[in-house]
N, C-alpha and C. Protein backbone atom coordinates (compact mmCIF):
# COMPACT_ATOMS: atom_id res chain seq x y z
N UNK A 1 0.32 14.41 1.79
CA UNK A 1 -0.25 13.23 1.26
C UNK A 1 -1.46 12.82 1.94
N UNK A 2 -2.96 12.37 1.09
CA UNK A 2 -4.04 11.86 2.01
C UNK A 2 -3.95 10.47 2.79
N UNK A 3 -4.76 10.66 3.84
CA UNK A 3 -4.44 9.63 4.93
C UNK A 3 -4.96 8.23 4.44
N UNK A 4 -5.66 8.51 3.21
CA UNK A 4 -5.82 6.98 2.50
C UNK A 4 -4.89 6.52 1.48
N UNK A 5 -4.16 7.32 1.12
CA UNK A 5 -3.08 7.25 -0.04
C UNK A 5 -1.74 6.76 0.79
N UNK A 6 -1.30 7.14 2.26
CA UNK A 6 -0.83 6.84 3.13
C UNK A 6 -1.10 5.50 3.22
N UNK A 7 -1.97 4.91 3.69
CA UNK A 7 -2.32 3.85 4.59
C UNK A 7 -1.84 2.62 3.18
N UNK A 8 -2.53 3.12 2.14
CA UNK A 8 -2.53 2.00 0.63
C UNK A 8 -1.00 1.79 0.43
N UNK A 9 -0.31 2.84 0.37
CA UNK A 9 1.28 2.66 -0.09
C UNK A 9 1.72 1.75 1.22
N UNK A 10 1.54 2.01 2.55
CA UNK A 10 2.05 1.34 3.69
C UNK A 10 1.71 -0.39 3.44
N UNK A 11 0.96 -0.60 2.62
CA UNK A 11 -0.02 -1.83 2.53
C UNK A 11 -1.06 -2.03 3.27
N UNK A 12 -1.61 -1.20 3.96
CA UNK A 12 -2.40 -1.45 5.21
C UNK A 12 -3.86 -1.97 4.30
N UNK A 13 -4.24 -1.58 3.32
CA UNK A 13 -5.85 -1.36 3.30
C UNK A 13 -5.54 -0.74 1.94
N UNK A 14 -6.50 -0.90 0.90
CA UNK A 14 -6.73 -0.10 -0.51
C UNK A 14 -7.34 1.47 -0.29
N UNK A 15 -7.68 2.28 -1.13
CA UNK A 15 -7.68 3.58 -0.40
C UNK A 15 -8.79 3.46 -0.07
N UNK A 16 -9.82 3.05 -0.87
CA UNK A 16 -11.46 2.94 -0.19
C UNK A 16 -11.17 1.96 1.26
N UNK A 17 -10.54 0.91 1.61
CA UNK A 17 -10.63 0.09 2.44
C UNK A 17 -10.03 1.05 3.57
N UNK A 18 -8.93 1.74 3.26
CA UNK A 18 -8.53 2.95 4.38
C UNK A 18 -9.36 3.64 4.67
N UNK A 19 -10.62 4.39 3.84
CA UNK A 19 -11.45 5.13 4.18
C UNK A 19 -12.32 4.51 5.24
N UNK A 20 -12.81 3.42 5.08
CA UNK A 20 -13.69 2.53 6.12
C UNK A 20 -13.08 2.55 7.29
N UNK A 21 -11.39 2.27 7.11
CA UNK A 21 -10.63 2.50 8.67
C UNK A 21 -11.31 4.04 9.12
N UNK A 22 -10.62 4.92 8.59
CA UNK A 22 -11.03 6.00 9.15
C UNK A 22 -12.15 6.43 9.93
N UNK A 23 -13.25 6.11 8.69
CA UNK A 23 -14.55 6.19 9.17
C UNK A 23 -14.83 5.44 10.72
N UNK A 24 -14.31 4.53 10.66
CA UNK A 24 -14.87 3.74 11.83
C UNK A 24 -13.98 4.05 12.74
N UNK A 25 -12.94 4.89 12.82
CA UNK A 25 -12.53 5.41 14.33
C UNK A 25 -11.46 4.66 14.52
N UNK A 26 -10.50 3.92 13.66
CA UNK A 26 -9.63 2.87 13.77
C UNK A 26 -8.13 3.78 13.39
N UNK A 27 -8.25 4.72 13.15
CA UNK A 27 -6.80 5.32 12.71
C UNK A 27 -6.95 6.93 13.30
N UNK A 28 -5.14 6.68 13.83
CA UNK A 28 -4.99 7.97 14.40
C UNK A 28 -3.42 8.83 14.09
N UNK A 29 -3.72 9.50 14.01
CA UNK A 29 -2.46 10.82 13.25
C UNK A 29 -2.39 11.37 14.65
N UNK A 30 -0.93 11.41 15.26
CA UNK A 30 -0.47 12.35 16.36
C UNK A 30 -1.42 12.13 17.71
N UNK A 31 -1.53 10.90 17.75
CA UNK A 31 -2.79 10.66 18.66
C UNK A 31 -4.20 10.90 18.66
N UNK A 32 -4.58 11.70 17.69
CA UNK A 32 -5.80 11.76 17.31
C UNK A 32 -6.47 11.50 16.29
N UNK A 33 -7.80 10.96 16.42
CA UNK A 33 -8.60 10.62 15.72
C UNK A 33 -8.75 10.83 14.26
N UNK A 34 -8.11 10.34 13.24
CA UNK A 34 -8.08 11.07 11.82
C UNK A 34 -9.32 10.94 11.39
N UNK A 35 -9.55 11.92 10.22
CA UNK A 35 -10.56 12.14 9.74
C UNK A 35 -10.40 11.98 7.86
N UNK A 36 -11.23 11.72 7.27
CA UNK A 36 -11.49 11.76 6.12
C UNK A 36 -10.91 12.71 5.32
N UNK A 37 -9.82 12.53 4.08
CA UNK A 37 -9.16 13.19 3.48
C UNK A 37 -8.17 14.38 4.54
N UNK A 38 -8.01 13.64 5.78
CA UNK A 38 -7.03 14.48 6.36
C UNK A 38 -5.52 14.35 5.25
N UNK A 39 -4.41 15.47 5.75
CA UNK A 39 -3.07 15.49 4.82
C UNK A 39 -2.37 14.72 6.17
N UNK A 40 -1.05 13.83 5.83
CA UNK A 40 -0.60 13.60 6.70
C UNK A 40 1.28 13.79 6.15
N UNK A 41 1.84 14.13 6.98
CA UNK A 41 3.35 14.94 6.97
C UNK A 41 4.18 13.60 6.81
N UNK A 42 5.60 14.03 6.45
CA UNK A 42 6.48 12.74 6.93
C UNK A 42 7.13 13.03 8.37
N UNK A 43 6.64 13.92 9.08
CA UNK A 43 6.83 13.73 10.48
C UNK A 43 5.43 13.27 11.28
N UNK A 44 4.43 12.85 10.67
CA UNK A 44 3.21 12.60 11.63
C UNK A 44 3.51 11.12 12.05
N UNK A 45 2.93 10.95 12.89
CA UNK A 45 2.71 9.61 13.72
C UNK A 45 1.37 8.86 13.32
N UNK A 46 1.44 7.45 12.63
CA UNK A 46 0.01 6.86 12.18
C UNK A 46 0.10 5.88 12.49
N UNK A 47 -1.27 5.76 13.12
CA UNK A 47 -1.65 4.59 13.74
C UNK A 47 -2.75 3.86 13.58
N UNK A 48 -3.03 2.61 13.30
CA UNK A 48 -3.86 1.74 13.05
C UNK A 48 -4.08 0.88 14.05
N UNK A 49 -5.71 1.01 14.80
CA UNK A 49 -5.73 -0.23 16.12
C UNK A 49 -4.45 -0.23 17.10
N UNK A 50 -3.81 1.39 16.97
CA UNK A 50 -3.19 1.60 18.50
C UNK A 50 -1.74 1.06 17.71
N UNK A 51 -1.44 0.18 16.25
CA UNK A 51 -0.22 -0.06 15.70
C UNK A 51 0.86 0.81 14.73
N UNK A 52 1.67 1.45 14.94
CA UNK A 52 2.19 2.34 14.10
C UNK A 52 2.53 1.57 12.97
N UNK A 53 2.27 2.69 11.65
CA UNK A 53 2.24 2.21 10.30
C UNK A 53 3.46 3.81 10.01
N UNK A 54 4.35 2.81 9.75
CA UNK A 54 5.81 3.33 9.10
C UNK A 54 5.40 3.99 7.69
N UNK A 55 5.76 5.07 7.43
CA UNK A 55 6.06 5.59 5.95
C UNK A 55 6.33 4.72 4.77
N UNK A 56 5.94 4.26 4.10
CA UNK A 56 6.53 3.43 2.73
C UNK A 56 7.54 3.97 2.45
N UNK A 57 8.55 3.37 2.24
CA UNK A 57 9.61 3.56 1.14
C UNK A 57 9.77 3.54 -0.49
N UNK A 58 9.54 4.21 -1.34
CA UNK A 58 9.32 3.23 -2.35
C UNK A 58 10.52 3.30 -3.19
N UNK A 59 10.44 2.45 -3.95
CA UNK A 59 11.60 2.23 -5.36
C UNK A 59 10.94 1.73 -6.19
N UNK A 60 11.28 2.21 -7.71
CA UNK A 60 11.05 1.43 -8.89
C UNK A 60 12.04 0.54 -9.48
N UNK A 61 11.37 -0.45 -10.03
CA UNK A 61 11.93 -1.65 -10.54
C UNK A 61 11.56 -1.77 -11.90
N UNK A 62 12.54 -1.96 -12.76
CA UNK A 62 12.26 -2.05 -14.11
C UNK A 62 12.72 -3.21 -14.66
N UNK A 63 11.90 -3.85 -15.16
CA UNK A 63 11.59 -5.66 -15.30
C UNK A 63 11.63 -5.51 -17.16
N UNK A 64 12.36 -6.09 -17.84
CA UNK A 64 11.75 -7.14 -19.06
C UNK A 64 11.09 -8.07 -19.11
N UNK A 65 9.90 -7.93 -18.92
CA UNK A 65 8.97 -9.13 -18.85
C UNK A 65 9.24 -10.24 -19.72
N UNK A 66 9.72 -11.58 -19.68
CA UNK A 66 9.71 -12.47 -20.73
C UNK A 66 8.15 -12.58 -21.04
N UNK A 67 7.95 -13.24 -22.29
CA UNK A 67 6.73 -13.96 -22.73
C UNK A 67 6.32 -14.37 -21.83
N UNK A 68 4.97 -14.78 -21.82
CA UNK A 68 4.26 -15.91 -21.01
C UNK A 68 4.17 -15.42 -19.69
N UNK A 69 4.74 -14.39 -19.43
CA UNK A 69 5.03 -14.05 -17.83
C UNK A 69 3.61 -12.84 -18.05
N UNK A 70 2.74 -12.76 -17.07
CA UNK A 70 1.50 -11.32 -16.68
C UNK A 70 2.34 -10.75 -15.64
N UNK A 71 1.52 -9.76 -15.88
CA UNK A 71 1.89 -8.21 -15.12
C UNK A 71 0.75 -8.12 -13.92
N UNK A 72 0.79 -8.82 -13.15
CA UNK A 72 -0.22 -8.91 -12.26
C UNK A 72 0.17 -9.73 -10.79
N UNK A 73 -0.81 -9.35 -9.54
CA UNK A 73 -0.14 -9.39 -8.26
C UNK A 73 -0.32 -11.58 -8.12
N UNK A 74 -1.87 -11.82 -8.84
CA UNK A 74 -2.14 -13.11 -8.49
C UNK A 74 -3.03 -13.49 -10.15
N UNK A 75 -2.81 -14.58 -10.50
CA UNK A 75 -3.26 -14.73 -11.68
C UNK A 75 -4.25 -16.02 -11.34
N UNK A 76 -5.45 -16.28 -11.41
CA UNK A 76 -6.38 -17.22 -11.21
C UNK A 76 -6.44 -18.46 -12.42
N UNK A 77 -5.19 -17.87 -13.53
CA UNK A 77 -5.42 -19.32 -14.22
C UNK A 77 -4.02 -19.86 -14.23
N UNK A 78 -3.33 -19.28 -13.33
CA UNK A 78 -2.11 -20.11 -13.04
C UNK A 78 -1.03 -19.78 -13.13
N UNK A 79 -1.06 -18.91 -14.25
CA UNK A 79 0.19 -18.56 -15.16
C UNK A 79 1.00 -17.84 -13.92
N UNK A 80 2.87 -17.83 -15.00
CA UNK A 80 3.93 -17.01 -14.16
C UNK A 80 3.19 -15.30 -14.10
N UNK A 81 3.75 -15.12 -13.02
CA UNK A 81 3.80 -13.60 -12.41
C UNK A 81 4.88 -12.92 -12.22
N UNK A 82 4.95 -11.56 -12.45
CA UNK A 82 6.30 -10.62 -12.58
C UNK A 82 6.84 -10.85 -11.08
N UNK A 83 5.81 -11.45 -9.81
CA UNK A 83 5.99 -11.20 -8.84
C UNK A 83 6.93 -12.57 -8.44
N UNK A 84 6.68 -13.35 -9.43
CA UNK A 84 7.31 -14.88 -9.26
C UNK A 84 9.08 -14.08 -9.41
N UNK A 85 9.40 -13.45 -10.50
CA UNK A 85 10.63 -13.34 -10.72
C UNK A 85 11.38 -12.06 -10.14
N UNK A 86 10.73 -11.66 -9.14
CA UNK A 86 11.50 -10.23 -8.01
C UNK A 86 11.14 -10.61 -6.90
N UNK A 87 12.47 -10.21 -6.14
CA UNK A 87 12.13 -10.25 -4.55
C UNK A 87 10.80 -9.71 -4.03
N UNK A 88 9.89 -10.37 -3.15
CA UNK A 88 8.47 -9.50 -2.51
C UNK A 88 9.06 -8.77 -1.26
N UNK A 89 10.17 -8.68 -0.67
CA UNK A 89 10.48 -7.85 0.31
C UNK A 89 11.18 -6.66 0.00
N UNK A 90 11.00 -5.51 0.11
CA UNK A 90 9.75 -5.11 0.62
C UNK A 90 8.70 -5.11 -0.30
N UNK A 91 7.92 -4.79 0.00
CA UNK A 91 6.00 -4.80 -0.72
C UNK A 91 6.41 -4.42 -2.30
N UNK A 92 6.00 -5.33 -2.99
CA UNK A 92 6.00 -5.09 -4.79
C UNK A 92 4.83 -5.43 -4.83
N UNK A 93 4.42 -3.97 -5.97
CA UNK A 93 3.07 -3.52 -6.92
C UNK A 93 3.35 -3.53 -8.29
N UNK A 94 3.17 -4.70 -8.79
CA UNK A 94 3.19 -4.61 -10.24
C UNK A 94 2.37 -3.51 -10.77
N UNK A 95 3.07 -2.73 -12.20
CA UNK A 95 2.07 -1.73 -12.85
C UNK A 95 2.71 -1.84 -14.47
N UNK A 96 1.61 -1.34 -15.09
CA UNK A 96 2.02 -1.19 -16.51
C UNK A 96 1.95 -2.68 -17.27
N UNK A 97 2.48 -2.69 -18.19
CA UNK A 97 2.43 -4.14 -19.36
C UNK A 97 3.71 -4.53 -19.25
């Protein structure tokens, strides 16, 4: 997996934001400064600003969304979102409709 995808899945930053962290030299893999487009394996140790970033554990939640609830993390119009219906730990990322 590419380093930017690894950091994005872990919730550190978006993929583009992760690229910026790598360019700034703030990301290390196995104690060495990471490069853009570096691949990270399951046994690699990834750090951002000296803090370890554990590999994200993914799970899929199927939800029959009620009418009037929007599929987004934040709604500027104040409507209820799917995140209001599920536990937020571990990190939940809504996708689909």
